[in-house]
Amino acid sequence: MNKTLETIRGSWITRAHEIAEANHQYVRSAADQIPADLREKFLSIAEWVEHTEEWSDKIIDGACTDSDRRVNEIMFLGAQIKILIEPIRLTKDVDSIRRLRAVTREAIERIEERKREEKLK
């Protein structure tokens, strides 16, 4: 089963996968009982299904990896926004404007550093 979906044990996805696996095994084990002219068709369909499942697993893994990366990026940017909100609320005079500029500069540096780290991955 797909490594990303393994964590969803007991779900409908897992049950559907287990049923499909049982069906695949049954078709393979019963292949010698199927008339020769149909046997090759059944086996080619079973192989096609297995091949499709492998590709689906790869696509799901890629999508989940990308999704995790994007969620982490959103959480990071959300934290940076929260850091900026407080100085904005406190901005009332020249000193607080200087503080806001400093906090903004620090946030921009953190964001740029994270972008550089992402490019290196």
N, C-alpha and C. Protein backbone atom coordinates (compact mmCIF):
# COMPACT_ATOMS: atom_id res chain seq x y z
N MET A 1 0.84 -1.18 0.00
CA MET A 1 0.00 0.00 0.00
C MET A 1 0.88 1.23 0.00
N ASN A 2 0.36 2.29 -0.50
CA ASN A 2 1.05 3.58 -0.57
C ASN A 2 1.52 3.99 0.82
N LYS A 3 2.81 4.40 0.92
CA LYS A 3 3.35 4.74 2.24
C LYS A 3 2.66 5.95 2.86
N THR A 4 2.16 6.86 2.05
CA THR A 4 1.46 8.02 2.58
C THR A 4 0.13 7.61 3.19
N LEU A 5 -0.53 6.66 2.55
CA LEU A 5 -1.86 6.25 3.02
C LEU A 5 -1.80 5.20 4.12
N GLU A 6 -0.63 4.63 4.39
CA GLU A 6 -0.51 3.62 5.43
C GLU A 6 -0.94 4.16 6.79
N THR A 7 -0.80 5.45 6.98
CA THR A 7 -1.16 6.06 8.27
C THR A 7 -2.67 6.16 8.46
N ILE A 8 -3.43 5.89 7.42
CA ILE A 8 -4.88 6.03 7.50
C ILE A 8 -5.52 4.65 7.72
N ARG A 9 -4.91 3.82 8.51
CA ARG A 9 -5.42 2.48 8.78
C ARG A 9 -6.87 2.55 9.26
N GLY A 10 -7.67 1.59 8.81
CA GLY A 10 -9.07 1.53 9.23
C GLY A 10 -9.99 2.42 8.43
N SER A 11 -9.44 3.21 7.54
CA SER A 11 -10.28 4.11 6.75
C SER A 11 -10.87 3.36 5.57
N TRP A 12 -11.77 3.99 4.87
CA TRP A 12 -12.37 3.38 3.69
C TRP A 12 -11.32 3.14 2.62
N ILE A 13 -10.29 3.97 2.60
CA ILE A 13 -9.21 3.79 1.62
C ILE A 13 -8.50 2.47 1.87
N THR A 14 -8.19 2.21 3.14
CA THR A 14 -7.50 0.97 3.50
C THR A 14 -8.37 -0.23 3.18
N ARG A 15 -9.65 -0.16 3.53
CA ARG A 15 -10.55 -1.29 3.26
C ARG A 15 -10.67 -1.55 1.76
N ALA A 16 -10.81 -0.50 0.97
CA ALA A 16 -10.92 -0.65 -0.48
C ALA A 16 -9.63 -1.25 -1.04
N HIS A 17 -8.50 -0.82 -0.51
CA HIS A 17 -7.21 -1.36 -0.97
C HIS A 17 -7.10 -2.84 -0.63
N GLU A 18 -7.50 -3.22 0.58
CA GLU A 18 -7.43 -4.63 0.98
C GLU A 18 -8.34 -5.50 0.13
N ILE A 19 -9.53 -5.01 -0.19
CA ILE A 19 -10.45 -5.75 -1.06
C ILE A 19 -9.84 -5.92 -2.45
N ALA A 20 -9.25 -4.85 -2.97
CA ALA A 20 -8.62 -4.92 -4.29
C ALA A 20 -7.46 -5.91 -4.29
N GLU A 21 -6.65 -5.91 -3.23
CA GLU A 21 -5.55 -6.86 -3.11
C GLU A 21 -6.07 -8.29 -3.11
N ALA A 22 -7.13 -8.54 -2.35
CA ALA A 22 -7.72 -9.89 -2.30
C ALA A 22 -8.23 -10.30 -3.68
N ASN A 23 -8.84 -9.38 -4.39
CA ASN A 23 -9.33 -9.68 -5.74
C ASN A 23 -8.18 -9.99 -6.69
N HIS A 24 -7.10 -9.22 -6.59
CA HIS A 24 -5.92 -9.48 -7.44
C HIS A 24 -5.37 -10.87 -7.17
N GLN A 25 -5.24 -11.22 -5.90
CA GLN A 25 -4.70 -12.52 -5.54
C GLN A 25 -5.62 -13.64 -6.03
N TYR A 26 -6.92 -13.44 -5.92
CA TYR A 26 -7.86 -14.46 -6.38
C TYR A 26 -7.73 -14.68 -7.88
N VAL A 27 -7.68 -13.59 -8.64
CA VAL A 27 -7.56 -13.72 -10.10
C VAL A 27 -6.27 -14.44 -10.46
N ARG A 28 -5.18 -14.10 -9.79
CA ARG A 28 -3.90 -14.75 -10.07
C ARG A 28 -3.94 -16.25 -9.70
N SER A 29 -4.54 -16.56 -8.56
CA SER A 29 -4.58 -17.97 -8.13
C SER A 29 -5.55 -18.80 -8.96
N ALA A 30 -6.59 -18.17 -9.47
CA ALA A 30 -7.59 -18.89 -10.26
C ALA A 30 -7.28 -18.87 -11.75
N ALA A 31 -6.16 -18.30 -12.13
CA ALA A 31 -5.83 -18.14 -13.55
C ALA A 31 -5.80 -19.47 -14.30
N ASP A 32 -5.30 -20.52 -13.66
CA ASP A 32 -5.21 -21.80 -14.37
C ASP A 32 -6.58 -22.46 -14.57
N GLN A 33 -7.60 -21.97 -13.87
CA GLN A 33 -8.95 -22.50 -14.03
C GLN A 33 -9.74 -21.75 -15.11
N ILE A 34 -9.20 -20.64 -15.55
CA ILE A 34 -9.87 -19.82 -16.56
C ILE A 34 -9.50 -20.38 -17.94
N PRO A 35 -10.45 -20.47 -18.86
CA PRO A 35 -10.12 -20.95 -20.20
C PRO A 35 -8.96 -20.15 -20.80
N ALA A 36 -8.13 -20.83 -21.56
CA ALA A 36 -6.89 -20.25 -22.09
C ALA A 36 -7.12 -18.96 -22.86
N ASP A 37 -8.18 -18.88 -23.65
CA ASP A 37 -8.41 -17.67 -24.45
C ASP A 37 -8.74 -16.46 -23.58
N LEU A 38 -9.34 -16.69 -22.42
CA LEU A 38 -9.66 -15.58 -21.51
C LEU A 38 -8.55 -15.31 -20.49
N ARG A 39 -7.74 -16.34 -20.21
CA ARG A 39 -6.71 -16.24 -19.17
C ARG A 39 -5.76 -15.07 -19.44
N GLU A 40 -5.25 -14.98 -20.65
CA GLU A 40 -4.31 -13.91 -20.98
C GLU A 40 -4.95 -12.53 -20.83
N LYS A 41 -6.21 -12.42 -21.19
CA LYS A 41 -6.90 -11.14 -21.04
C LYS A 41 -7.04 -10.77 -19.57
N PHE A 42 -7.44 -11.74 -18.75
CA PHE A 42 -7.57 -11.48 -17.32
C PHE A 42 -6.23 -11.08 -16.71
N LEU A 43 -5.19 -11.83 -17.06
CA LEU A 43 -3.87 -11.53 -16.50
C LEU A 43 -3.33 -10.19 -16.99
N SER A 44 -3.60 -9.84 -18.24
CA SER A 44 -3.14 -8.53 -18.72
C SER A 44 -3.88 -7.40 -18.02
N ILE A 45 -5.16 -7.62 -17.73
CA ILE A 45 -5.93 -6.61 -16.98
C ILE A 45 -5.37 -6.49 -15.57
N ALA A 46 -5.07 -7.63 -14.93
CA ALA A 46 -4.51 -7.61 -13.57
C ALA A 46 -3.17 -6.87 -13.55
N GLU A 47 -2.33 -7.11 -14.55
CA GLU A 47 -1.05 -6.40 -14.63
C GLU A 47 -1.25 -4.91 -14.85
N TRP A 48 -2.20 -4.56 -15.70
CA TRP A 48 -2.50 -3.15 -15.95
C TRP A 48 -2.97 -2.47 -14.67
N VAL A 49 -3.83 -3.16 -13.90
CA VAL A 49 -4.33 -2.61 -12.63
C VAL A 49 -3.17 -2.39 -11.67
N GLU A 50 -2.27 -3.36 -11.56
CA GLU A 50 -1.13 -3.22 -10.65
C GLU A 50 -0.22 -2.07 -11.08
N HIS A 51 0.00 -1.96 -12.38
CA HIS A 51 0.82 -0.86 -12.90
C HIS A 51 0.16 0.49 -12.60
N THR A 52 -1.14 0.58 -12.81
CA THR A 52 -1.88 1.81 -12.52
C THR A 52 -1.81 2.15 -11.04
N GLU A 53 -1.91 1.14 -10.19
CA GLU A 53 -1.84 1.37 -8.75
C GLU A 53 -0.47 1.91 -8.35
N GLU A 54 0.59 1.35 -8.93
CA GLU A 54 1.94 1.83 -8.63
C GLU A 54 2.08 3.31 -8.99
N TRP A 55 1.60 3.68 -10.17
CA TRP A 55 1.70 5.08 -10.59
C TRP A 55 0.83 5.98 -9.72
N SER A 56 -0.33 5.49 -9.33
CA SER A 56 -1.20 6.27 -8.44
C SER A 56 -0.51 6.53 -7.11
N ASP A 57 0.16 5.49 -6.59
CA ASP A 57 0.89 5.66 -5.33
C ASP A 57 1.98 6.72 -5.46
N LYS A 58 2.70 6.70 -6.58
CA LYS A 58 3.75 7.70 -6.79
C LYS A 58 3.16 9.11 -6.87
N ILE A 59 2.04 9.24 -7.56
CA ILE A 59 1.39 10.55 -7.68
C ILE A 59 0.91 11.04 -6.32
N ILE A 60 0.29 10.14 -5.55
CA ILE A 60 -0.20 10.52 -4.21
C ILE A 60 0.97 10.92 -3.32
N ASP A 61 2.05 10.14 -3.34
CA ASP A 61 3.22 10.50 -2.53
C ASP A 61 3.76 11.87 -2.90
N GLY A 62 3.85 12.15 -4.19
CA GLY A 62 4.33 13.45 -4.63
C GLY A 62 3.41 14.58 -4.21
N ALA A 63 2.11 14.35 -4.35
CA ALA A 63 1.14 15.39 -3.97
C ALA A 63 1.18 15.64 -2.47
N CYS A 64 1.30 14.57 -1.68
CA CYS A 64 1.33 14.74 -0.22
C CYS A 64 2.61 15.43 0.22
N THR A 65 3.72 15.10 -0.41
CA THR A 65 4.98 15.77 -0.09
C THR A 65 4.88 17.26 -0.39
N ASP A 66 4.34 17.58 -1.56
CA ASP A 66 4.18 18.98 -1.94
C ASP A 66 3.21 19.68 -0.99
N SER A 67 2.15 18.99 -0.61
CA SER A 67 1.16 19.56 0.30
C SER A 67 1.80 19.85 1.66
N ASP A 68 2.59 18.91 2.18
CA ASP A 68 3.28 19.13 3.46
C ASP A 68 4.20 20.34 3.38
N ARG A 69 4.92 20.45 2.28
CA ARG A 69 5.84 21.59 2.11
C ARG A 69 5.07 22.90 2.10
N ARG A 70 3.96 22.92 1.39
CA ARG A 70 3.16 24.15 1.31
C ARG A 70 2.53 24.50 2.66
N VAL A 71 2.06 23.50 3.40
CA VAL A 71 1.49 23.76 4.73
C VAL A 71 2.56 24.35 5.64
N ASN A 72 3.76 23.78 5.60
CA ASN A 72 4.85 24.32 6.42
C ASN A 72 5.18 25.76 6.03
N GLU A 73 5.16 26.04 4.74
CA GLU A 73 5.43 27.40 4.27
C GLU A 73 4.34 28.37 4.75
N ILE A 74 3.10 27.95 4.68
CA ILE A 74 1.99 28.79 5.14
C ILE A 74 2.10 29.05 6.64
N MET A 75 2.44 28.01 7.40
CA MET A 75 2.58 28.19 8.85
C MET A 75 3.72 29.16 9.17
N PHE A 76 4.83 29.03 8.44
CA PHE A 76 5.97 29.94 8.65
C PHE A 76 5.56 31.38 8.35
N LEU A 77 4.91 31.60 7.21
CA LEU A 77 4.50 32.96 6.84
C LEU A 77 3.46 33.50 7.81
N GLY A 78 2.57 32.64 8.29
CA GLY A 78 1.59 33.07 9.29
C GLY A 78 2.27 33.55 10.57
N ALA A 79 3.31 32.84 10.98
CA ALA A 79 4.07 33.25 12.17
C ALA A 79 4.74 34.60 11.94
N GLN A 80 5.26 34.82 10.74
CA GLN A 80 5.90 36.11 10.43
C GLN A 80 4.88 37.24 10.46
N ILE A 81 3.69 36.97 9.97
CA ILE A 81 2.63 37.99 9.99
C ILE A 81 2.25 38.33 11.43
N LYS A 82 2.14 37.31 12.28
CA LYS A 82 1.81 37.56 13.69
C LYS A 82 2.88 38.42 14.36
N ILE A 83 4.14 38.16 14.00
CA ILE A 83 5.24 38.96 14.56
C ILE A 83 5.09 40.43 14.15
N LEU A 84 4.64 40.67 12.93
CA LEU A 84 4.50 42.04 12.42
C LEU A 84 3.26 42.75 12.96
N ILE A 85 2.23 42.02 13.28
CA ILE A 85 0.97 42.64 13.72
C ILE A 85 1.14 43.42 15.02
N GLU A 86 1.86 42.86 15.97
CA GLU A 86 2.02 43.53 17.27
C GLU A 86 2.68 44.91 17.14
N PRO A 87 3.81 45.04 16.45
CA PRO A 87 4.40 46.38 16.31
C PRO A 87 3.50 47.34 15.53
N ILE A 88 2.75 46.82 14.58
CA ILE A 88 1.82 47.68 13.83
C ILE A 88 0.78 48.26 14.78
N ARG A 89 0.26 47.42 15.66
CA ARG A 89 -0.75 47.88 16.62
C ARG A 89 -0.19 48.91 17.60
N LEU A 90 1.09 48.77 17.90
CA LEU A 90 1.71 49.67 18.88
C LEU A 90 2.30 50.94 18.25
N THR A 91 2.20 51.08 16.95
CA THR A 91 2.78 52.23 16.26
C THR A 91 1.98 53.49 16.55
N LYS A 92 2.60 54.39 17.35
CA LYS A 92 1.91 55.63 17.72
C LYS A 92 2.84 56.84 17.62
N ASP A 93 4.14 56.59 17.64
CA ASP A 93 5.08 57.71 17.60
C ASP A 93 6.31 57.31 16.78
N VAL A 94 7.29 58.21 16.73
CA VAL A 94 8.48 57.99 15.91
C VAL A 94 9.26 56.75 16.36
N ASP A 95 9.42 56.59 17.67
CA ASP A 95 10.17 55.44 18.17
C ASP A 95 9.49 54.12 17.81
N SER A 96 8.17 54.09 17.90
CA SER A 96 7.48 52.85 17.56
C SER A 96 7.54 52.57 16.06
N ILE A 97 7.62 53.63 15.26
CA ILE A 97 7.78 53.44 13.81
C ILE A 97 9.16 52.84 13.53
N ARG A 98 10.18 53.30 14.25
CA ARG A 98 11.52 52.72 14.10
C ARG A 98 11.51 51.24 14.49
N ARG A 99 10.83 50.95 15.57
CA ARG A 99 10.73 49.55 16.02
C ARG A 99 10.01 48.71 14.96
N LEU A 100 8.95 49.24 14.38
CA LEU A 100 8.21 48.54 13.33
C LEU A 100 9.12 48.26 12.13
N ARG A 101 9.92 49.26 11.76
CA ARG A 101 10.84 49.07 10.63
C ARG A 101 11.86 47.97 10.94
N ALA A 102 12.36 47.96 12.17
CA ALA A 102 13.35 46.94 12.56
C ALA A 102 12.72 45.54 12.53
N VAL A 103 11.52 45.43 13.07
CA VAL A 103 10.83 44.13 13.08
C VAL A 103 10.53 43.68 11.66
N THR A 104 10.12 44.62 10.82
CA THR A 104 9.83 44.30 9.42
C THR A 104 11.09 43.81 8.71
N ARG A 105 12.19 44.50 8.93
CA ARG A 105 13.46 44.11 8.33
C ARG A 105 13.85 42.70 8.77
N GLU A 106 13.69 42.40 10.06
CA GLU A 106 14.02 41.07 10.57
C GLU A 106 13.13 40.00 9.94
N ALA A 107 11.85 40.30 9.80
CA ALA A 107 10.92 39.35 9.18
C ALA A 107 11.29 39.09 7.73
N ILE A 108 11.64 40.13 7.02
CA ILE A 108 12.05 39.99 5.62
C ILE A 108 13.31 39.13 5.53
N GLU A 109 14.25 39.35 6.43
CA GLU A 109 15.47 38.55 6.43
C GLU A 109 15.17 37.08 6.70
N ARG A 110 14.25 36.80 7.64
CA ARG A 110 13.88 35.40 7.91
C ARG A 110 13.22 34.76 6.69
N ILE A 111 12.36 35.51 6.03
CA ILE A 111 11.68 34.98 4.84
C ILE A 111 12.69 34.72 3.72
N GLU A 112 13.61 35.66 3.51
CA GLU A 112 14.62 35.47 2.47
C GLU A 112 15.54 34.30 2.80
N GLU A 113 15.89 34.15 4.07
CA GLU A 113 16.73 33.02 4.49
C GLU A 113 16.01 31.69 4.22
N ARG A 114 14.74 31.66 4.52
CA ARG A 114 13.96 30.44 4.27
C ARG A 114 13.90 30.13 2.78
N LYS A 115 13.74 31.16 1.95
CA LYS A 115 13.73 30.95 0.49
C LYS A 115 15.07 30.37 0.03
N ARG A 116 16.17 30.89 0.56
CA ARG A 116 17.49 30.36 0.19
C ARG A 116 17.62 28.90 0.60
N GLU A 117 17.15 28.57 1.80
CA GLU A 117 17.21 27.19 2.28
C GLU A 117 16.38 26.26 1.40
N GLU A 118 15.20 26.74 0.99
CA GLU A 118 14.34 25.93 0.12
C GLU A 118 15.00 25.66 -1.22
N LYS A 119 15.71 26.65 -1.76
CA LYS A 119 16.38 26.47 -3.05
C LYS A 119 17.50 25.44 -2.96
N LEU A 120 18.13 25.34 -1.78
CA LEU A 120 19.22 24.39 -1.60
C LEU A 120 18.73 22.95 -1.46
N LYS A 121 17.47 22.78 -1.12
CA LYS A 121 16.93 21.42 -0.91
C LYS A 121 16.72 20.70 -2.20
